[in-house]
Each structure stands twice: as C-alpha cells, then as structure tokens.
PDB file of N, CA and C in Angstrom:
ATOM      1  N   MET A   1       0.837  -1.174  -0.005  1.00  0.00           N
ATOM      2  CA  MET A   1       0.002   0.006   0.000  1.00  0.00           C
ATOM      3  C   MET A   1       0.891   1.246   0.008  1.00  0.00           C
ATOM      4  N   ALA A   2       0.563   2.161  -0.858  1.00  0.00           N
ATOM      5  CA  ALA A   2       1.336   3.395  -0.970  1.00  0.00           C
ATOM      6  C   ALA A   2       1.001   4.345   0.178  1.00  0.00           C
ATOM      7  N   ARG A   3       2.054   4.950   0.733  1.00  0.00           N
ATOM      8  CA  ARG A   3       1.857   5.924   1.816  1.00  0.00           C
ATOM      9  C   ARG A   3       2.395   7.268   1.343  1.00  0.00           C
ATOM     10  N   ARG A   4       1.656   8.313   1.663  1.00  0.00           N
ATOM     11  CA  ARG A   4       2.026   9.663   1.227  1.00  0.00           C
ATOM     12  C   ARG A   4       3.429  10.053   1.745  1.00  0.00           C
ATOM     13  N   ASP A   5       3.782   9.652   2.926  1.00  0.00           N
ATOM     14  CA  ASP A   5       5.108   9.977   3.482  1.00  0.00           C
ATOM     15  C   ASP A   5       6.245   9.416   2.640  1.00  0.00           C
ATOM     16  N   ASP A   6       5.973   8.359   1.889  1.00  0.00           N
ATOM     17  CA  ASP A   6       7.018   7.727   1.086  1.00  0.00           C
ATOM     18  C   ASP A   6       7.439   8.569  -0.119  1.00  0.00           C
ATOM     19  N   ILE A   7       6.632   9.533  -0.515  1.00  0.00           N
ATOM     20  CA  ILE A   7       6.956  10.359  -1.680  1.00  0.00           C
ATOM     21  C   ILE A   7       8.218  11.175  -1.420  1.00  0.00           C
ATOM     22  N   GLY A   8       8.284  11.854  -0.295  1.00  0.00           N
ATOM     23  CA  GLY A   8       9.455  12.648   0.054  1.00  0.00           C
ATOM     24  C   GLY A   8      10.700  11.778   0.217  1.00  0.00           C
ATOM     25  N   THR A   9      10.527  10.604   0.793  1.00  0.00           N
ATOM     26  CA  THR A   9      11.633   9.664   0.962  1.00  0.00           C
ATOM     27  C   THR A   9      12.152   9.218  -0.405  1.00  0.00           C
ATOM     28  N   ALA A  10      11.242   8.928  -1.315  1.00  0.00           N
ATOM     29  CA  ALA A  10      11.637   8.506  -2.662  1.00  0.00           C
ATOM     30  C   ALA A  10      12.402   9.635  -3.357  1.00  0.00           C
ATOM     31  N   PHE A  11      11.948  10.861  -3.163  1.00  0.00           N
ATOM     32  CA  PHE A  11      12.652  11.997  -3.756  1.00  0.00           C
ATOM     33  C   PHE A  11      14.079  12.073  -3.202  1.00  0.00           C
ATOM     34  N   ASP A  12      14.212  12.000  -1.897  1.00  0.00           N
ATOM     35  CA  ASP A  12      15.547  12.077  -1.273  1.00  0.00           C
ATOM     36  C   ASP A  12      16.466  10.975  -1.793  1.00  0.00           C
ATOM     37  N   ARG A  13      15.942   9.810  -2.004  1.00  0.00           N
ATOM     38  CA  ARG A  13      16.748   8.684  -2.517  1.00  0.00           C
ATOM     39  C   ARG A  13      17.132   8.891  -3.967  1.00  0.00           C
ATOM     40  N   ALA A  14      16.350   9.649  -4.713  1.00  0.00           N
ATOM     41  CA  ALA A  14      16.637   9.891  -6.131  1.00  0.00           C
ATOM     42  C   ALA A  14      17.691  10.984  -6.326  1.00  0.00           C
ATOM     43  N   VAL A  15      17.936  11.797  -5.334  1.00  0.00           N
ATOM     44  CA  VAL A  15      18.910  12.879  -5.449  1.00  0.00           C
ATOM     45  C   VAL A  15      20.321  12.285  -5.483  1.00  0.00           C
ATOM     46  N   LYS A  16      21.118  12.715  -6.456  1.00  0.00           N
ATOM     47  CA  LYS A  16      22.480  12.240  -6.632  1.00  0.00           C
ATOM     48  C   LYS A  16      23.466  13.376  -6.407  1.00  0.00           C
ATOM     49  N   MET A  17      24.644  13.047  -5.914  1.00  0.00           N
ATOM     50  CA  MET A  17      25.705  14.026  -5.688  1.00  0.00           C
ATOM     51  C   MET A  17      26.718  13.889  -6.803  1.00  0.00           C
ATOM     52  N   SER A  18      26.997  14.998  -7.499  1.00  0.00           N
ATOM     53  CA  SER A  18      27.980  14.978  -8.587  1.00  0.00           C
ATOM     54  C   SER A  18      29.377  15.062  -7.978  1.00  0.00           C
ATOM     55  N   PRO A  19      30.406  14.736  -8.779  1.00  0.00           N
ATOM     56  CA  PRO A  19      31.776  14.835  -8.285  1.00  0.00           C
ATOM     57  C   PRO A  19      32.146  16.272  -7.843  1.00  0.00           C
ATOM     58  N   LYS A  20      31.485  17.264  -8.388  1.00  0.00           N
ATOM     59  CA  LYS A  20      31.750  18.654  -8.020  1.00  0.00           C
ATOM     60  C   LYS A  20      30.966  19.075  -6.771  1.00  0.00           C
ATOM     61  N   GLY A  21      30.164  18.181  -6.216  1.00  0.00           N
ATOM     62  CA  GLY A  21      29.440  18.473  -5.004  1.00  0.00           C
ATOM     63  C   GLY A  21      28.037  19.002  -5.213  1.00  0.00           C
ATOM     64  N   LYS A  22      27.577  19.080  -6.461  1.00  0.00           N
ATOM     65  CA  LYS A  22      26.223  19.565  -6.728  1.00  0.00           C
ATOM     66  C   LYS A  22      25.226  18.405  -6.627  1.00  0.00           C
ATOM     67  N   ARG A  23      24.068  18.689  -6.094  1.00  0.00           N
ATOM     68  CA  ARG A  23      23.019  17.659  -5.965  1.00  0.00           C
ATOM     69  C   ARG A  23      22.074  17.824  -7.130  1.00  0.00           C
ATOM     70  N   THR A  24      21.807  16.721  -7.828  1.00  0.00           N
ATOM     71  CA  THR A  24      20.868  16.736  -8.947  1.00  0.00           C
ATOM     72  C   THR A  24      19.871  15.607  -8.773  1.00  0.00           C
ATOM     73  N   VAL A  25      18.744  15.759  -9.436  1.00  0.00           N
ATOM     74  CA  VAL A  25      17.735  14.698  -9.468  1.00  0.00           C
ATOM     75  C   VAL A  25      17.061  14.732 -10.819  1.00  0.00           C
ATOM     76  N   THR A  26      16.805  13.543 -11.368  1.00  0.00           N
ATOM     77  CA  THR A  26      16.059  13.465 -12.633  1.00  0.00           C
ATOM     78  C   THR A  26      14.672  12.921 -12.315  1.00  0.00           C
ATOM     79  N   THR A  27      13.716  13.299 -13.128  1.00  0.00           N
ATOM     80  CA  THR A  27      12.368  12.774 -12.916  1.00  0.00           C
ATOM     81  C   THR A  27      12.337  11.270 -13.177  1.00  0.00           C
ATOM     82  N   VAL A  28      13.187  10.770 -14.056  1.00  0.00           N
ATOM     83  CA  VAL A  28      13.251   9.333 -14.332  1.00  0.00           C
ATOM     84  C   VAL A  28      13.672   8.587 -13.058  1.00  0.00           C
ATOM     85  N   ASP A  29      14.701   9.075 -12.380  1.00  0.00           N
ATOM     86  CA  ASP A  29      15.153   8.444 -11.122  1.00  0.00           C
ATOM     87  C   ASP A  29      14.083   8.562 -10.032  1.00  0.00           C
ATOM     88  N   PHE A  30      13.435   9.717  -9.970  1.00  0.00           N
ATOM     89  CA  PHE A  30      12.399   9.926  -8.966  1.00  0.00           C
ATOM     90  C   PHE A  30      11.242   8.952  -9.174  1.00  0.00           C
ATOM     91  N   VAL A  31      10.796   8.789 -10.407  1.00  0.00           N
ATOM     92  CA  VAL A  31       9.711   7.845 -10.722  1.00  0.00           C
ATOM     93  C   VAL A  31      10.126   6.415 -10.375  1.00  0.00           C
ATOM     94  N   ALA A  32      11.373   6.062 -10.647  1.00  0.00           N
ATOM     95  CA  ALA A  32      11.871   4.722 -10.333  1.00  0.00           C
ATOM     96  C   ALA A  32      11.844   4.476  -8.825  1.00  0.00           C
ATOM     97  N   GLU A  33      12.254   5.463  -8.051  1.00  0.00           N
ATOM     98  CA  GLU A  33      12.218   5.342  -6.590  1.00  0.00           C
ATOM     99  C   GLU A  33      10.781   5.266  -6.071  1.00  0.00           C
ATOM    100  N   LEU A  34       9.880   6.015  -6.713  1.00  0.00           N
ATOM    101  CA  LEU A  34       8.467   5.949  -6.323  1.00  0.00           C
ATOM    102  C   LEU A  34       7.883   4.566  -6.539  1.00  0.00           C
ATOM    103  N   LYS A  35       8.256   3.936  -7.646  1.00  0.00           N
ATOM    104  CA  LYS A  35       7.745   2.587  -7.928  1.00  0.00           C
ATOM    105  C   LYS A  35       8.148   1.605  -6.829  1.00  0.00           C
ATOM    106  N   LYS A  36       9.317   1.808  -6.252  1.00  0.00           N
ATOM    107  CA  LYS A  36       9.789   0.924  -5.188  1.00  0.00           C
ATOM    108  C   LYS A  36       8.925   1.011  -3.947  1.00  0.00           C
ATOM    109  N   VAL A  37       8.210   2.129  -3.769  1.00  0.00           N
ATOM    110  CA  VAL A  37       7.352   2.302  -2.603  1.00  0.00           C
ATOM    111  C   VAL A  37       5.870   2.354  -3.013  1.00  0.00           C
ATOM    112  N   ASN A  38       5.561   1.691  -4.127  1.00  0.00           N
ATOM    113  CA  ASN A  38       4.177   1.471  -4.581  1.00  0.00           C
ATOM    114  C   ASN A  38       3.441   2.705  -5.090  1.00  0.00           C
ATOM    115  N   TRP A  39       4.176   3.682  -5.590  1.00  0.00           N
ATOM    116  CA  TRP A  39       3.551   4.827  -6.246  1.00  0.00           C
ATOM    117  C   TRP A  39       3.841   4.709  -7.745  1.00  0.00           C
ATOM    118  N   ASP A  40       2.828   4.749  -8.553  1.00  0.00           N
ATOM    119  CA  ASP A  40       3.002   4.629 -10.005  1.00  0.00           C
ATOM    120  C   ASP A  40       2.661   5.973 -10.645  1.00  0.00           C
ATOM    121  N   TRP A  41       3.671   6.826 -10.785  1.00  0.00           N
ATOM    122  CA  TRP A  41       3.510   8.164 -11.302  1.00  0.00           C
ATOM    123  C   TRP A  41       4.079   8.276 -12.704  1.00  0.00           C
ATOM    124  N   SER A  42       3.509   9.203 -13.456  1.00  0.00           N
ATOM    125  CA  SER A  42       4.080   9.562 -14.750  1.00  0.00           C
ATOM    126  C   SER A  42       5.193  10.579 -14.519  1.00  0.00           C
ATOM    127  N   LEU A  43       5.973  10.821 -15.562  1.00  0.00           N
ATOM    128  CA  LEU A  43       7.016  11.833 -15.453  1.00  0.00           C
ATOM    129  C   LEU A  43       6.404  13.204 -15.206  1.00  0.00           C
ATOM    130  N   LYS A  44       5.259  13.456 -15.831  1.00  0.00           N
ATOM    131  CA  LYS A  44       4.582  14.741 -15.637  1.00  0.00           C
ATOM    132  C   LYS A  44       4.178  14.939 -14.190  1.00  0.00           C
ATOM    133  N   GLN A  45       3.641  13.921 -13.559  1.00  0.00           N
ATOM    134  CA  GLN A  45       3.243  14.008 -12.146  1.00  0.00           C
ATOM    135  C   GLN A  45       4.469  14.263 -11.260  1.00  0.00           C
ATOM    136  N   ALA A  46       5.565  13.598 -11.591  1.00  0.00           N
ATOM    137  CA  ALA A  46       6.797  13.778 -10.792  1.00  0.00           C
ATOM    138  C   ALA A  46       7.313  15.205 -10.942  1.00  0.00           C
ATOM    139  N   ASN A  47       7.301  15.740 -12.153  1.00  0.00           N
ATOM    140  CA  ASN A  47       7.722  17.129 -12.375  1.00  0.00           C
ATOM    141  C   ASN A  47       6.862  18.096 -11.584  1.00  0.00           C
ATOM    142  N   GLU A  48       5.566  17.877 -11.595  1.00  0.00           N
ATOM    143  CA  GLU A  48       4.646  18.757 -10.875  1.00  0.00           C
ATOM    144  C   GLU A  48       4.921  18.724  -9.366  1.00  0.00           C
ATOM    145  N   TRP A  49       5.198  17.527  -8.847  1.00  0.00           N
ATOM    146  CA  TRP A  49       5.486  17.407  -7.415  1.00  0.00           C
ATOM    147  C   TRP A  49       6.770  18.168  -7.076  1.00  0.00           C
ATOM    148  N   ILE A  50       7.801  17.980  -7.883  1.00  0.00           N
ATOM    149  CA  ILE A  50       9.074  18.681  -7.640  1.00  0.00           C
ATOM    150  C   ILE A  50       8.864  20.200  -7.676  1.00  0.00           C
ATOM    151  N   GLU A  51       8.126  20.671  -8.662  1.00  0.00           N
ATOM    152  CA  GLU A  51       7.886  22.115  -8.787  1.00  0.00           C
ATOM    153  C   GLU A  51       7.076  22.666  -7.637  1.00  0.00           C
ATOM    154  N   ASN A  52       6.141  21.874  -7.099  1.00  0.00           N
ATOM    155  CA  ASN A  52       5.255  22.364  -6.044  1.00  0.00           C
ATOM    156  C   ASN A  52       5.767  22.154  -4.629  1.00  0.00           C
ATOM    157  N   TYR A  53       6.564  21.108  -4.403  1.00  0.00           N
ATOM    158  CA  TYR A  53       6.938  20.768  -3.045  1.00  0.00           C
ATOM    159  C   TYR A  53       8.418  20.951  -2.724  1.00  0.00           C
ATOM    160  N   THR A  54       9.227  21.308  -3.700  1.00  0.00           N
ATOM    161  CA  THR A  54      10.626  21.627  -3.394  1.00  0.00           C
ATOM    162  C   THR A  54      10.858  23.081  -3.806  1.00  0.00           C
ATOM    163  N   HIS A  55      11.596  23.793  -3.012  1.00  0.00           N
ATOM    164  CA  HIS A  55      11.789  25.226  -3.297  1.00  0.00           C
ATOM    165  C   HIS A  55      13.240  25.558  -3.611  1.00  0.00           C
ATOM    166  N   ASN A  56      14.108  24.576  -3.525  1.00  0.00           N
ATOM    167  CA  ASN A  56      15.527  24.856  -3.783  1.00  0.00           C
ATOM    168  C   ASN A  56      16.078  23.975  -4.915  1.00  0.00           C
ATOM    169  N   PHE A  57      15.218  23.524  -5.814  1.00  0.00           N
ATOM    170  CA  PHE A  57      15.657  22.800  -7.004  1.00  0.00           C
ATOM    171  C   PHE A  57      15.211  23.559  -8.238  1.00  0.00           C
ATOM    172  N   ARG A  58      16.135  23.720  -9.176  1.00  0.00           N
ATOM    173  CA  ARG A  58      15.868  24.408 -10.449  1.00  0.00           C
ATOM    174  C   ARG A  58      16.013  23.460 -11.605  1.00  0.00           C
ATOM    175  N   ASP A  59      15.206  23.688 -12.618  1.00  0.00           N
ATOM    176  CA  ASP A  59      15.247  22.887 -13.832  1.00  0.00           C
ATOM    177  C   ASP A  59      16.489  23.266 -14.647  1.00  0.00           C
ATOM    178  N   ILE A  60      17.329  22.285 -14.952  1.00  0.00           N
ATOM    179  CA  ILE A  60      18.503  22.518 -15.794  1.00  0.00           C
ATOM    180  C   ILE A  60      18.481  21.601 -17.010  1.00  0.00           C
ATOM    181  N   SER A  61      17.316  21.149 -17.393  1.00  0.00           N
ATOM    182  CA  SER A  61      17.182  20.225 -18.528  1.00  0.00           C
ATOM    183  C   SER A  61      17.740  20.824 -19.808  1.00  0.00           C
ATOM    184  N   THR A  62      18.371  19.997 -20.603  1.00  0.00           N
ATOM    185  CA  THR A  62      18.939  20.456 -21.860  1.00  0.00           C
ATOM    186  C   THR A  62      18.124  20.039 -23.060  1.00  0.00           C
ATOM    187  N   GLN A  63      17.030  19.306 -22.829  1.00  0.00           N
ATOM    188  CA  GLN A  63      16.179  18.867 -23.907  1.00  0.00           C
ATOM    189  C   GLN A  63      14.713  19.034 -23.540  1.00  0.00           C
ATOM    190  N   GLU A  64      13.869  19.059 -24.556  1.00  0.00           N
ATOM    191  CA  GLU A  64      12.438  19.196 -24.349  1.00  0.00           C
ATOM    192  C   GLU A  64      11.866  17.866 -23.848  1.00  0.00           C
ATOM    193  N   GLY A  65      10.697  17.936 -23.222  1.00  0.00           N
ATOM    194  CA  GLY A  65      10.014  16.716 -22.791  1.00  0.00           C
ATOM    195  C   GLY A  65       9.848  16.656 -21.287  1.00  0.00           C
ATOM    196  N   GLU A  66       9.280  15.562 -20.842  1.00  0.00           N
ATOM    197  CA  GLU A  66       8.991  15.382 -19.430  1.00  0.00           C
ATOM    198  C   GLU A  66      10.159  14.803 -18.638  1.00  0.00           C
ATOM    199  N   ALA A  67      11.136  14.201 -19.299  1.00  0.00           N
ATOM    200  CA  ALA A  67      12.319  13.666 -18.604  1.00  0.00           C
ATOM    201  C   ALA A  67      13.256  14.826 -18.315  1.00  0.00           C
ATOM    202  N   ARG A  68      13.105  15.402 -17.144  1.00  0.00           N
ATOM    203  CA  ARG A  68      13.832  16.637 -16.794  1.00  0.00           C
ATOM    204  C   ARG A  68      14.876  16.365 -15.727  1.00  0.00           C
ATOM    205  N   THR A  69      15.798  17.323 -15.605  1.00  0.00           N
ATOM    206  CA  THR A  69      16.854  17.279 -14.601  1.00  0.00           C
ATOM    207  C   THR A  69      16.783  18.551 -13.774  1.00  0.00           C
ATOM    208  N   PHE A  70      16.869  18.410 -12.468  1.00  0.00           N
ATOM    209  CA  PHE A  70      16.845  19.535 -11.549  1.00  0.00           C
ATOM    210  C   PHE A  70      18.115  19.511 -10.716  1.00  0.00           C
ATOM    211  N   PHE A  71      18.587  20.702 -10.307  1.00  0.00           N
ATOM    212  CA  PHE A  71      19.719  20.734  -9.397  1.00  0.00           C
ATOM    213  C   PHE A  71      19.395  21.638  -8.217  1.00  0.00           C
ATOM    214  N   MET A  72      20.024  21.327  -7.070  1.00  0.00           N
ATOM    215  CA  MET A  72      19.793  22.097  -5.866  1.00  0.00           C
ATOM    216  C   MET A  72      20.636  23.362  -5.915  1.00  0.00           C
ATOM    217  N   PHE A  73      19.983  24.477  -5.666  1.00  0.00           N
ATOM    218  CA  PHE A  73      20.694  25.752  -5.653  1.00  0.00           C
ATOM    219  C   PHE A  73      20.518  26.415  -4.296  1.00  0.00           C
ATOM    220  N   ASN A  74      21.357  27.379  -4.036  1.00  0.00           N
ATOM    221  CA  ASN A  74      21.296  28.163  -2.808  1.00  0.00           C
ATOM    222  C   ASN A  74      20.362  29.345  -3.063  1.00  0.00           C
ATOM    223  N   PRO A  75      19.204  29.396  -2.402  1.00  0.00           N
ATOM    224  CA  PRO A  75      18.260  30.484  -2.663  1.00  0.00           C
ATOM    225  C   PRO A  75      18.798  31.871  -2.229  1.00  0.00           C
ATOM    226  N   ASN A  76      19.921  31.895  -1.546  1.00  0.00           N
ATOM    227  CA  ASN A  76      20.498  33.167  -1.124  1.00  0.00           C
ATOM    228  C   ASN A  76      21.475  33.735  -2.120  1.00  0.00           C
ATOM    229  N   GLY A  77      21.461  33.223  -3.357  1.00  0.00           N
ATOM    230  CA  GLY A  77      22.275  33.815  -4.410  1.00  0.00           C
ATOM    231  C   GLY A  77      23.469  33.008  -4.820  1.00  0.00           C
ATOM    232  N   GLY A  78      23.865  31.998  -4.087  1.00  0.00           N
ATOM    233  CA  GLY A  78      25.019  31.193  -4.447  1.00  0.00           C
ATOM    234  C   GLY A  78      24.596  29.872  -5.079  1.00  0.00           C
ATOM    235  N   TYR A  79      25.570  29.079  -5.501  1.00  0.00           N
ATOM    236  CA  TYR A  79      25.272  27.764  -6.080  1.00  0.00           C
ATOM    237  C   TYR A  79      25.864  26.698  -5.235  1.00  0.00           C
TER     238      TYR A  79
END
C-alpha cells in the first residue's frame, strides 16, 4: 500500500551528488524510486510534485520533454 510519506523519501533517494558536489535529481530516477514504494507516477506528475513541493531545486534540462533534470541551488544567491 502506498503511503504519502514515502513520496518525500523517494525523492531524497533519487537525489544524486555529482563529483563537483552539486546535488541533482532526474524525474526518471524519482519515478523509479516511487515505484519501489508502490507509487505509479508519470514523469509529468513527478515534475509537478518537484515544482510544487521543493523550493531549492531548479530545472537545468537540456532537452524538451517530461524527462527533466533539476539541481539544488542556494536560494540566497550562491550555487
């Protein structure tokens, strides 16, 4: 059974650390982590959740479509 609390946990598990220390997450990885906790979301639903429930991730996608990439930024002006 899917639990709402598992959504945030799945997001945290999908976040990756780059060698330069930047944290990124893709909607593909987020959806894969959601499936592990019994949530079956589309890429569009995952993007909407990221846009609505995270405030320190920006879209850095280089291509069109729903498979997007976000990175964590410092809202105080730094990266």
